[in-house]
N, C-alpha and C. Protein backbone atom coordinates (compact mmCIF):
# COMPACT_ATOMS: atom_id res chain seq x y z
N MET A 1 -43.55 -48.51 -11.64
CA MET A 1 -42.43 -48.38 -12.53
C MET A 1 -42.09 -46.91 -12.75
N GLY A 2 -43.07 -45.99 -12.69
CA GLY A 2 -42.84 -44.56 -12.89
C GLY A 2 -41.96 -43.99 -11.79
N ALA A 3 -42.11 -44.46 -10.55
CA ALA A 3 -41.30 -43.95 -9.46
C ALA A 3 -39.85 -44.39 -9.61
N ASN A 4 -39.64 -45.61 -10.14
CA ASN A 4 -38.28 -46.09 -10.37
C ASN A 4 -37.55 -45.24 -11.41
N ASN A 5 -38.28 -44.87 -12.49
CA ASN A 5 -37.66 -44.05 -13.54
C ASN A 5 -37.26 -42.68 -13.00
N ILE A 6 -38.10 -42.09 -12.17
CA ILE A 6 -37.79 -40.79 -11.59
C ILE A 6 -36.57 -40.91 -10.69
N SER A 7 -36.48 -42.00 -9.92
CA SER A 7 -35.35 -42.21 -9.03
C SER A 7 -34.05 -42.39 -9.82
N VAL A 8 -34.11 -43.13 -10.92
CA VAL A 8 -32.93 -43.35 -11.76
C VAL A 8 -32.49 -42.04 -12.41
N VAL A 9 -33.45 -41.27 -12.93
CA VAL A 9 -33.13 -40.00 -13.59
C VAL A 9 -32.52 -39.02 -12.58
N SER A 10 -33.11 -38.92 -11.39
CA SER A 10 -32.56 -37.99 -10.40
C SER A 10 -31.18 -38.45 -9.94
N SER A 11 -30.94 -39.74 -9.82
CA SER A 11 -29.62 -40.24 -9.45
C SER A 11 -28.60 -39.91 -10.53
N LEU A 12 -28.96 -40.10 -11.80
CA LEU A 12 -28.06 -39.76 -12.90
C LEU A 12 -27.78 -38.27 -12.93
N PHE A 13 -28.79 -37.47 -12.65
CA PHE A 13 -28.61 -36.01 -12.63
C PHE A 13 -27.62 -35.60 -11.54
N VAL A 14 -27.80 -36.15 -10.33
CA VAL A 14 -26.91 -35.83 -9.21
C VAL A 14 -25.49 -36.31 -9.53
N PHE A 15 -25.35 -37.51 -10.07
CA PHE A 15 -24.03 -38.03 -10.42
C PHE A 15 -23.37 -37.14 -11.48
N SER A 16 -24.11 -36.68 -12.47
CA SER A 16 -23.56 -35.82 -13.52
C SER A 16 -23.06 -34.49 -12.95
N ILE A 17 -23.83 -33.89 -12.06
CA ILE A 17 -23.43 -32.63 -11.43
C ILE A 17 -22.15 -32.84 -10.63
N MET A 18 -22.08 -33.93 -9.85
CA MET A 18 -20.87 -34.20 -9.06
C MET A 18 -19.67 -34.43 -9.99
N PHE A 19 -19.86 -35.18 -11.06
CA PHE A 19 -18.77 -35.45 -12.00
C PHE A 19 -18.26 -34.15 -12.63
N LEU A 20 -19.16 -33.27 -13.05
CA LEU A 20 -18.76 -32.01 -13.66
C LEU A 20 -18.05 -31.11 -12.65
N SER A 21 -18.53 -31.09 -11.43
CA SER A 21 -17.88 -30.28 -10.39
C SER A 21 -16.47 -30.75 -10.11
N ILE A 22 -16.28 -32.06 -9.97
CA ILE A 22 -14.95 -32.61 -9.69
C ILE A 22 -14.02 -32.39 -10.87
N SER A 23 -14.49 -32.64 -12.08
CA SER A 23 -13.61 -32.47 -13.24
C SER A 23 -13.25 -30.99 -13.44
N SER A 24 -14.17 -30.10 -13.14
CA SER A 24 -13.87 -28.67 -13.24
C SER A 24 -12.83 -28.27 -12.20
N ALA A 25 -12.96 -28.76 -10.98
CA ALA A 25 -12.00 -28.45 -9.92
C ALA A 25 -10.62 -29.00 -10.27
N LEU A 26 -10.55 -30.21 -10.80
CA LEU A 26 -9.26 -30.78 -11.18
C LEU A 26 -8.63 -30.00 -12.32
N HIS A 27 -9.43 -29.53 -13.25
CA HIS A 27 -8.91 -28.76 -14.38
C HIS A 27 -8.30 -27.45 -13.91
N THR A 28 -8.98 -26.73 -13.03
CA THR A 28 -8.44 -25.44 -12.56
C THR A 28 -7.27 -25.63 -11.62
N ALA A 29 -7.20 -26.76 -10.91
CA ALA A 29 -6.08 -27.00 -10.00
C ALA A 29 -4.79 -27.22 -10.78
N GLY A 30 -4.88 -27.77 -11.98
CA GLY A 30 -3.70 -28.05 -12.77
C GLY A 30 -3.23 -26.89 -13.63
N THR A 31 -4.00 -25.82 -13.72
CA THR A 31 -3.60 -24.70 -14.58
C THR A 31 -2.78 -23.70 -13.79
N ARG A 32 -1.92 -22.99 -14.49
CA ARG A 32 -1.12 -21.95 -13.86
C ARG A 32 -1.91 -20.67 -13.74
N ARG A 33 -1.53 -19.86 -12.75
CA ARG A 33 -2.16 -18.56 -12.59
C ARG A 33 -1.71 -17.65 -13.72
N LYS A 34 -2.60 -16.84 -14.18
CA LYS A 34 -2.28 -15.89 -15.22
C LYS A 34 -1.30 -14.86 -14.69
N GLN A 35 -0.26 -14.58 -15.43
CA GLN A 35 0.70 -13.55 -15.07
C GLN A 35 0.18 -12.22 -15.60
N TYR A 36 -0.12 -11.32 -14.69
CA TYR A 36 -0.66 -10.04 -15.08
C TYR A 36 0.47 -9.07 -15.41
N THR A 37 0.23 -8.23 -16.38
CA THR A 37 1.20 -7.19 -16.70
C THR A 37 0.56 -5.85 -16.36
N PRO A 38 1.34 -4.93 -15.82
CA PRO A 38 0.78 -3.63 -15.45
C PRO A 38 0.28 -2.86 -16.67
N CYS A 39 -0.83 -2.15 -16.48
CA CYS A 39 -1.35 -1.29 -17.55
C CYS A 39 -0.70 0.10 -17.49
N LYS A 40 -0.07 0.41 -16.35
CA LYS A 40 0.63 1.69 -16.18
C LYS A 40 1.56 1.54 -14.98
N ASN A 41 2.71 2.22 -15.04
CA ASN A 41 3.57 2.22 -13.86
C ASN A 41 4.27 3.57 -13.75
N MET A 42 4.74 3.86 -12.56
CA MET A 42 5.46 5.11 -12.30
C MET A 42 6.32 4.94 -11.05
N VAL A 43 7.35 5.77 -10.96
CA VAL A 43 8.24 5.77 -9.80
C VAL A 43 8.28 7.18 -9.25
N VAL A 44 8.04 7.31 -7.94
CA VAL A 44 8.12 8.61 -7.26
C VAL A 44 8.90 8.42 -5.96
N PHE A 45 9.33 9.54 -5.39
CA PHE A 45 10.03 9.54 -4.11
C PHE A 45 9.27 10.46 -3.18
N PHE A 46 9.11 10.03 -1.92
CA PHE A 46 8.60 11.01 -0.96
C PHE A 46 9.52 11.15 0.22
N HIS A 47 9.60 12.39 0.68
CA HIS A 47 10.59 12.83 1.65
C HIS A 47 9.87 13.21 2.94
N ASP A 48 10.15 12.50 4.04
CA ASP A 48 9.46 12.69 5.30
C ASP A 48 10.43 13.31 6.32
N ILE A 49 10.08 14.50 6.83
CA ILE A 49 10.89 15.18 7.84
C ILE A 49 10.03 15.35 9.08
N VAL A 50 10.33 14.56 10.12
CA VAL A 50 9.52 14.54 11.34
C VAL A 50 9.90 15.73 12.22
N TYR A 51 8.88 16.43 12.72
CA TYR A 51 9.09 17.55 13.64
C TYR A 51 9.72 17.03 14.92
N ASN A 52 10.85 17.64 15.33
CA ASN A 52 11.55 17.19 16.54
C ASN A 52 11.66 18.28 17.60
N GLY A 53 10.88 19.34 17.47
CA GLY A 53 10.93 20.43 18.43
C GLY A 53 11.85 21.55 18.02
N GLU A 54 12.70 21.30 17.03
CA GLU A 54 13.66 22.31 16.59
C GLU A 54 13.59 22.63 15.10
N ASN A 55 12.84 21.86 14.33
CA ASN A 55 12.85 22.01 12.88
C ASN A 55 11.48 22.39 12.31
N ALA A 56 10.76 23.23 12.99
CA ALA A 56 9.39 23.58 12.57
C ALA A 56 9.33 24.11 11.14
N GLY A 57 10.34 24.83 10.70
CA GLY A 57 10.34 25.40 9.36
C GLY A 57 10.45 24.36 8.25
N ASN A 58 11.10 23.24 8.52
CA ASN A 58 11.32 22.21 7.50
C ASN A 58 10.44 20.98 7.68
N ALA A 59 9.85 20.81 8.83
CA ALA A 59 9.12 19.58 9.14
C ALA A 59 7.92 19.40 8.20
N THR A 60 7.74 18.14 7.75
CA THR A 60 6.59 17.79 6.91
C THR A 60 5.74 16.72 7.59
N ALA A 61 6.12 16.31 8.80
CA ALA A 61 5.39 15.29 9.54
C ALA A 61 5.44 15.62 11.02
N ALA A 62 4.43 15.18 11.76
CA ALA A 62 4.39 15.44 13.19
C ALA A 62 3.78 14.26 13.92
N ILE A 63 4.34 13.96 15.10
CA ILE A 63 3.79 12.92 15.96
C ILE A 63 2.52 13.50 16.60
N VAL A 64 1.40 12.85 16.40
CA VAL A 64 0.14 13.36 16.96
C VAL A 64 -0.37 12.52 18.11
N ALA A 65 0.20 11.33 18.30
CA ALA A 65 -0.17 10.49 19.44
C ALA A 65 1.05 9.68 19.83
N ALA A 66 1.22 9.51 21.14
CA ALA A 66 2.38 8.79 21.66
C ALA A 66 1.95 8.00 22.89
N PRO A 67 2.70 6.93 23.22
CA PRO A 67 2.38 6.18 24.43
C PRO A 67 2.49 7.06 25.66
N GLN A 68 1.81 6.66 26.71
CA GLN A 68 1.84 7.43 27.96
C GLN A 68 3.28 7.58 28.43
N GLY A 69 3.63 8.78 28.82
CA GLY A 69 4.97 9.05 29.30
C GLY A 69 5.91 9.55 28.21
N SER A 70 5.49 9.45 26.96
CA SER A 70 6.31 9.95 25.85
C SER A 70 5.88 11.36 25.51
N ASN A 71 6.69 12.03 24.71
CA ASN A 71 6.27 13.35 24.26
C ASN A 71 6.07 13.33 22.75
N LEU A 72 5.64 14.46 22.21
CA LEU A 72 5.29 14.51 20.79
C LEU A 72 6.41 15.06 19.92
N THR A 73 7.62 15.12 20.43
CA THR A 73 8.74 15.58 19.61
C THR A 73 9.84 14.53 19.47
N ILE A 74 9.75 13.44 20.22
CA ILE A 74 10.74 12.36 20.13
C ILE A 74 9.97 11.05 19.96
N LEU A 75 10.34 10.28 18.94
CA LEU A 75 9.69 8.99 18.73
C LEU A 75 9.95 8.08 19.92
N ALA A 76 8.95 7.30 20.28
CA ALA A 76 9.02 6.42 21.45
C ALA A 76 10.10 5.36 21.28
N PRO A 77 10.67 4.91 22.43
CA PRO A 77 11.62 3.80 22.34
C PRO A 77 10.87 2.51 21.97
N GLN A 78 11.58 1.42 21.91
CA GLN A 78 11.00 0.10 21.60
C GLN A 78 10.30 0.13 20.25
N ASN A 79 11.05 0.44 19.19
CA ASN A 79 10.57 0.43 17.80
C ASN A 79 9.45 1.44 17.55
N HIS A 80 9.43 2.50 18.30
CA HIS A 80 8.45 3.59 18.16
C HIS A 80 7.01 3.11 18.38
N PHE A 81 6.84 1.97 19.03
CA PHE A 81 5.52 1.39 19.22
C PHE A 81 4.56 2.39 19.85
N GLY A 82 3.40 2.56 19.24
CA GLY A 82 2.36 3.43 19.76
C GLY A 82 2.35 4.83 19.18
N ASN A 83 3.41 5.22 18.49
CA ASN A 83 3.41 6.55 17.87
C ASN A 83 2.52 6.57 16.63
N ILE A 84 1.79 7.66 16.47
CA ILE A 84 1.02 7.92 15.26
C ILE A 84 1.54 9.23 14.68
N VAL A 85 1.90 9.19 13.41
CA VAL A 85 2.48 10.35 12.75
C VAL A 85 1.63 10.71 11.54
N VAL A 86 1.30 12.00 11.42
CA VAL A 86 0.62 12.48 10.21
C VAL A 86 1.66 13.21 9.37
N PHE A 87 1.45 13.18 8.04
CA PHE A 87 2.45 13.80 7.18
C PHE A 87 1.82 14.46 5.97
N ASP A 88 2.54 15.44 5.46
CA ASP A 88 2.23 16.15 4.22
C ASP A 88 3.57 16.36 3.53
N ASP A 89 4.07 15.29 2.89
CA ASP A 89 5.43 15.25 2.37
C ASP A 89 5.49 15.62 0.89
N PRO A 90 6.58 16.27 0.47
CA PRO A 90 6.76 16.52 -0.96
C PRO A 90 7.04 15.22 -1.71
N VAL A 91 6.51 15.12 -2.94
CA VAL A 91 6.75 13.98 -3.82
C VAL A 91 7.53 14.49 -5.02
N THR A 92 8.64 13.82 -5.31
CA THR A 92 9.48 14.20 -6.45
C THR A 92 9.66 13.01 -7.39
N LEU A 93 10.15 13.30 -8.59
CA LEU A 93 10.40 12.24 -9.56
C LEU A 93 11.81 11.66 -9.43
N ASP A 94 12.65 12.29 -8.62
CA ASP A 94 13.98 11.74 -8.34
C ASP A 94 14.22 11.81 -6.84
N ASN A 95 15.40 11.37 -6.40
CA ASN A 95 15.63 11.27 -4.95
C ASN A 95 16.18 12.54 -4.32
N ASN A 96 16.11 13.66 -5.00
CA ASN A 96 16.62 14.93 -4.48
C ASN A 96 15.48 15.72 -3.83
N LEU A 97 15.61 15.98 -2.55
CA LEU A 97 14.60 16.75 -1.82
C LEU A 97 14.41 18.14 -2.42
N GLN A 98 15.45 18.69 -3.02
CA GLN A 98 15.38 20.05 -3.60
C GLN A 98 14.75 20.06 -5.00
N SER A 99 14.47 18.89 -5.58
CA SER A 99 13.83 18.85 -6.90
C SER A 99 12.42 19.40 -6.83
N GLU A 100 11.89 19.77 -7.99
CA GLU A 100 10.52 20.28 -8.06
C GLU A 100 9.55 19.21 -7.59
N ALA A 101 8.68 19.58 -6.67
CA ALA A 101 7.66 18.65 -6.20
C ALA A 101 6.57 18.51 -7.26
N VAL A 102 6.20 17.26 -7.56
CA VAL A 102 5.12 17.01 -8.52
C VAL A 102 3.82 16.71 -7.80
N GLY A 103 3.88 16.62 -6.48
CA GLY A 103 2.69 16.34 -5.68
C GLY A 103 3.05 16.26 -4.21
N ARG A 104 2.07 15.80 -3.43
CA ARG A 104 2.26 15.65 -1.98
C ARG A 104 1.81 14.24 -1.59
N ALA A 105 2.48 13.68 -0.58
CA ALA A 105 2.03 12.45 0.06
C ALA A 105 1.38 12.88 1.37
N GLN A 106 0.09 12.61 1.51
CA GLN A 106 -0.66 13.07 2.68
C GLN A 106 -1.37 11.90 3.34
N GLY A 107 -1.13 11.74 4.64
CA GLY A 107 -1.78 10.66 5.36
C GLY A 107 -1.16 10.45 6.72
N PHE A 108 -1.07 9.18 7.13
CA PHE A 108 -0.53 8.86 8.45
C PHE A 108 0.14 7.50 8.43
N TYR A 109 1.01 7.31 9.41
CA TYR A 109 1.53 5.97 9.69
C TYR A 109 1.54 5.78 11.19
N LEU A 110 1.35 4.55 11.59
CA LEU A 110 1.38 4.24 13.01
C LEU A 110 2.29 3.03 13.22
N TYR A 111 3.10 3.14 14.25
CA TYR A 111 4.02 2.06 14.58
C TYR A 111 3.25 1.05 15.42
N ASP A 112 3.11 -0.17 14.90
CA ASP A 112 2.14 -1.10 15.46
C ASP A 112 2.71 -2.38 16.06
N ARG A 113 4.03 -2.48 16.20
CA ARG A 113 4.59 -3.69 16.82
C ARG A 113 5.70 -3.31 17.80
N LYS A 114 5.72 -3.99 18.94
CA LYS A 114 6.75 -3.74 19.95
C LYS A 114 8.06 -4.46 19.63
N ASN A 115 7.95 -5.67 19.07
CA ASN A 115 9.13 -6.51 18.94
C ASN A 115 9.89 -6.35 17.63
N THR A 116 9.39 -5.56 16.70
CA THR A 116 10.12 -5.30 15.46
C THR A 116 9.71 -3.94 14.90
N PHE A 117 10.52 -3.41 14.04
CA PHE A 117 10.29 -2.08 13.49
C PHE A 117 9.36 -2.18 12.30
N THR A 118 8.09 -1.87 12.50
CA THR A 118 7.10 -1.95 11.43
C THR A 118 6.03 -0.90 11.66
N ALA A 119 5.35 -0.55 10.59
CA ALA A 119 4.30 0.47 10.67
C ALA A 119 3.14 0.08 9.77
N TRP A 120 2.03 0.76 9.94
CA TRP A 120 0.89 0.62 9.05
C TRP A 120 0.66 1.99 8.42
N LEU A 121 0.52 2.01 7.10
CA LEU A 121 0.39 3.26 6.35
C LEU A 121 -1.01 3.41 5.76
N GLY A 122 -1.50 4.62 5.74
CA GLY A 122 -2.71 4.98 5.00
C GLY A 122 -2.50 6.39 4.46
N PHE A 123 -2.39 6.53 3.13
CA PHE A 123 -2.10 7.85 2.60
C PHE A 123 -2.50 7.97 1.14
N SER A 124 -2.44 9.19 0.65
CA SER A 124 -2.73 9.49 -0.76
C SER A 124 -1.58 10.28 -1.35
N PHE A 125 -1.27 9.98 -2.59
CA PHE A 125 -0.43 10.88 -3.38
C PHE A 125 -1.38 11.86 -4.05
N VAL A 126 -1.17 13.14 -3.83
CA VAL A 126 -2.02 14.18 -4.41
C VAL A 126 -1.19 14.92 -5.45
N PHE A 127 -1.59 14.79 -6.71
CA PHE A 127 -0.85 15.40 -7.82
C PHE A 127 -1.65 16.56 -8.38
N ASN A 128 -0.95 17.66 -8.64
CA ASN A 128 -1.55 18.81 -9.32
C ASN A 128 -0.42 19.53 -10.04
N SER A 129 0.10 18.87 -11.06
CA SER A 129 1.24 19.41 -11.78
C SER A 129 1.04 19.20 -13.28
N THR A 130 2.03 19.58 -14.05
CA THR A 130 1.95 19.35 -15.49
C THR A 130 2.11 17.87 -15.81
N TYR A 131 2.69 17.09 -14.88
CA TYR A 131 2.89 15.66 -15.10
C TYR A 131 1.61 14.86 -14.89
N HIS A 132 0.95 15.11 -13.76
CA HIS A 132 -0.25 14.34 -13.39
C HIS A 132 -1.21 15.22 -12.61
N LYS A 133 -2.49 14.88 -12.72
CA LYS A 133 -3.52 15.52 -11.90
C LYS A 133 -4.40 14.41 -11.32
N GLY A 134 -4.67 14.50 -10.02
CA GLY A 134 -5.50 13.50 -9.37
C GLY A 134 -4.82 12.93 -8.15
N THR A 135 -5.38 11.85 -7.63
CA THR A 135 -4.85 11.21 -6.43
C THR A 135 -4.66 9.72 -6.65
N ILE A 136 -3.76 9.15 -5.86
CA ILE A 136 -3.58 7.70 -5.77
C ILE A 136 -3.68 7.37 -4.29
N ASN A 137 -4.57 6.45 -3.93
CA ASN A 137 -4.79 6.08 -2.53
C ASN A 137 -4.12 4.75 -2.22
N LEU A 138 -3.37 4.72 -1.12
CA LEU A 138 -2.59 3.54 -0.76
C LEU A 138 -2.81 3.18 0.71
N ALA A 139 -2.69 1.89 1.03
CA ALA A 139 -2.82 1.44 2.42
C ALA A 139 -2.14 0.09 2.57
N GLY A 140 -1.58 -0.15 3.77
CA GLY A 140 -1.02 -1.46 4.05
C GLY A 140 0.06 -1.45 5.09
N ALA A 141 0.50 -2.66 5.43
CA ALA A 141 1.56 -2.85 6.42
C ALA A 141 2.91 -2.56 5.79
N ASP A 142 3.81 -1.98 6.57
CA ASP A 142 5.14 -1.62 6.10
C ASP A 142 6.18 -2.19 7.06
N PRO A 143 6.62 -3.45 6.84
CA PRO A 143 7.70 -4.00 7.66
C PRO A 143 9.02 -3.35 7.22
N ALA A 144 9.34 -2.22 7.82
CA ALA A 144 10.38 -1.32 7.33
C ALA A 144 11.78 -1.93 7.27
N LEU A 145 12.03 -3.02 7.97
CA LEU A 145 13.35 -3.62 7.92
C LEU A 145 13.57 -4.46 6.66
N ASN A 146 12.51 -4.78 5.95
CA ASN A 146 12.65 -5.50 4.69
C ASN A 146 13.15 -4.55 3.61
N LYS A 147 13.96 -5.06 2.70
CA LYS A 147 14.50 -4.21 1.63
C LYS A 147 13.37 -3.63 0.77
N THR A 148 12.43 -4.48 0.38
CA THR A 148 11.25 -4.02 -0.37
C THR A 148 10.01 -4.54 0.33
N ARG A 149 8.94 -3.79 0.24
CA ARG A 149 7.65 -4.21 0.79
C ARG A 149 6.54 -3.64 -0.07
N ASP A 150 5.47 -4.42 -0.18
CA ASP A 150 4.34 -4.05 -1.04
C ASP A 150 3.17 -3.58 -0.21
N ILE A 151 2.52 -2.52 -0.68
CA ILE A 151 1.25 -2.09 -0.11
C ILE A 151 0.25 -1.96 -1.26
N SER A 152 -1.00 -1.92 -0.93
CA SER A 152 -2.06 -1.91 -1.94
C SER A 152 -2.36 -0.51 -2.44
N VAL A 153 -2.53 -0.40 -3.75
CA VAL A 153 -3.10 0.80 -4.37
C VAL A 153 -4.59 0.51 -4.45
N ILE A 154 -5.39 1.27 -3.71
CA ILE A 154 -6.80 0.91 -3.56
C ILE A 154 -7.74 1.83 -4.32
N GLY A 155 -7.20 2.75 -5.09
CA GLY A 155 -8.07 3.61 -5.90
C GLY A 155 -7.38 4.89 -6.27
N GLY A 156 -8.13 5.75 -6.93
CA GLY A 156 -7.57 7.03 -7.32
C GLY A 156 -8.62 7.91 -7.98
N THR A 157 -8.19 9.12 -8.31
CA THR A 157 -9.08 10.08 -8.99
C THR A 157 -8.28 10.73 -10.12
N GLY A 158 -8.96 11.52 -10.94
CA GLY A 158 -8.30 12.25 -12.01
C GLY A 158 -7.62 11.31 -13.00
N ASP A 159 -6.34 11.53 -13.26
CA ASP A 159 -5.58 10.67 -14.17
C ASP A 159 -5.53 9.22 -13.69
N PHE A 160 -5.82 9.00 -12.43
CA PHE A 160 -5.74 7.67 -11.83
C PHE A 160 -7.11 7.14 -11.41
N PHE A 161 -8.16 7.61 -12.07
CA PHE A 161 -9.53 7.24 -11.73
C PHE A 161 -9.69 5.72 -11.70
N MET A 162 -10.10 5.20 -10.55
CA MET A 162 -10.40 3.78 -10.34
C MET A 162 -9.21 2.86 -10.57
N HIS A 163 -7.98 3.37 -10.48
CA HIS A 163 -6.80 2.53 -10.66
C HIS A 163 -6.57 1.70 -9.41
N ARG A 164 -6.13 0.46 -9.62
CA ARG A 164 -5.74 -0.40 -8.50
C ARG A 164 -4.46 -1.13 -8.87
N GLY A 165 -3.70 -1.48 -7.84
CA GLY A 165 -2.45 -2.19 -8.09
C GLY A 165 -1.62 -2.36 -6.85
N ILE A 166 -0.31 -2.38 -7.05
CA ILE A 166 0.64 -2.61 -5.96
C ILE A 166 1.70 -1.52 -6.00
N ALA A 167 2.05 -1.01 -4.84
CA ALA A 167 3.15 -0.06 -4.72
C ALA A 167 4.26 -0.74 -3.92
N THR A 168 5.45 -0.81 -4.50
CA THR A 168 6.60 -1.40 -3.81
C THR A 168 7.42 -0.28 -3.20
N LEU A 169 7.56 -0.33 -1.88
CA LEU A 169 8.31 0.68 -1.14
C LEU A 169 9.73 0.21 -0.91
N MET A 170 10.68 1.13 -1.05
CA MET A 170 12.08 0.86 -0.75
C MET A 170 12.62 2.07 0.01
N THR A 171 13.20 1.84 1.16
CA THR A 171 13.81 2.94 1.90
C THR A 171 15.07 3.36 1.16
N ASP A 172 15.08 4.62 0.73
CA ASP A 172 16.17 5.13 -0.10
C ASP A 172 17.20 5.87 0.74
N ALA A 173 16.80 6.46 1.86
CA ALA A 173 17.73 7.18 2.74
C ALA A 173 17.09 7.33 4.12
N VAL A 174 17.92 7.34 5.15
CA VAL A 174 17.47 7.57 6.52
C VAL A 174 18.52 8.43 7.21
N GLU A 175 18.05 9.45 7.92
CA GLU A 175 18.93 10.29 8.73
C GLU A 175 18.35 10.37 10.13
N GLY A 176 18.79 9.46 10.98
CA GLY A 176 18.30 9.41 12.36
C GLY A 176 16.81 9.16 12.41
N ASP A 177 16.16 9.78 13.40
CA ASP A 177 14.71 9.65 13.54
C ASP A 177 13.98 10.82 12.89
N VAL A 178 14.71 11.68 12.17
CA VAL A 178 14.09 12.90 11.66
C VAL A 178 13.74 12.81 10.18
N TYR A 179 14.60 12.22 9.35
CA TYR A 179 14.37 12.24 7.90
C TYR A 179 14.46 10.84 7.32
N PHE A 180 13.53 10.52 6.43
CA PHE A 180 13.68 9.34 5.59
C PHE A 180 13.07 9.63 4.23
N ARG A 181 13.56 8.90 3.24
CA ARG A 181 13.07 9.04 1.87
C ARG A 181 12.69 7.65 1.38
N LEU A 182 11.50 7.55 0.80
CA LEU A 182 11.04 6.29 0.22
C LEU A 182 10.97 6.40 -1.30
N ARG A 183 11.47 5.38 -1.95
CA ARG A 183 11.25 5.21 -3.39
C ARG A 183 10.00 4.35 -3.51
N VAL A 184 9.04 4.79 -4.31
CA VAL A 184 7.78 4.08 -4.46
C VAL A 184 7.60 3.72 -5.94
N ASP A 185 7.65 2.43 -6.23
CA ASP A 185 7.47 1.92 -7.58
C ASP A 185 6.02 1.42 -7.67
N ILE A 186 5.19 2.15 -8.42
CA ILE A 186 3.76 1.85 -8.48
C ILE A 186 3.44 1.13 -9.78
N ASN A 187 2.81 -0.03 -9.67
CA ASN A 187 2.33 -0.78 -10.82
C ASN A 187 0.81 -0.89 -10.73
N PHE A 188 0.14 -0.33 -11.73
CA PHE A 188 -1.33 -0.41 -11.79
C PHE A 188 -1.72 -1.60 -12.63
N TYR A 189 -2.65 -2.40 -12.12
CA TYR A 189 -3.14 -3.57 -12.85
C TYR A 189 -4.59 -3.38 -13.31
N GLU A 190 -5.25 -2.38 -12.80
CA GLU A 190 -6.57 -2.00 -13.27
C GLU A 190 -6.54 -0.52 -13.59
N CYS A 191 -6.71 -0.20 -14.86
CA CYS A 191 -6.71 1.19 -15.30
C CYS A 191 -8.00 1.44 -16.06
N TRP A 192 -8.63 2.57 -15.80
CA TRP A 192 -9.87 2.90 -16.50
C TRP A 192 -9.61 3.99 -17.50
């Protein structure tokens, strides 16, 4: 009779665990996701001027790798596929290139698809001004033909220590293959 009691108790225990697991899963499946609100946000513009062989004095970006047969002063055909560009661009609080720079955007982008115009970005905003001090680190895919696109804010230092969130990129201006300006709307969801 003792073995039967142990079997009944263990069966009830297993059934209880299964019941709690299923009811917990059903409860969370029916609830809505929490809508997060940013703990901090900011808008900046960065201005990218690609070196084209004639603008060394103004260039803030340079092609450092290109597909075979291409050169380092003209972006490759076919959506610039294979080009890798490094940059050290001025960052301003408005869309005027002549405005006071509040920091620099430093990093790289690489054109990673043949069949559409898209890039992958990895860069930091480096601030050392009266407005902000520190860095914001960003990375992600940039399907440049979309009106807006999101990349990840993966950390920071100084005023942005351990911040994480989303940066929404919007192409604000384009002048051929030499100049473009991005509006970057940064929303931090983790602030320390």
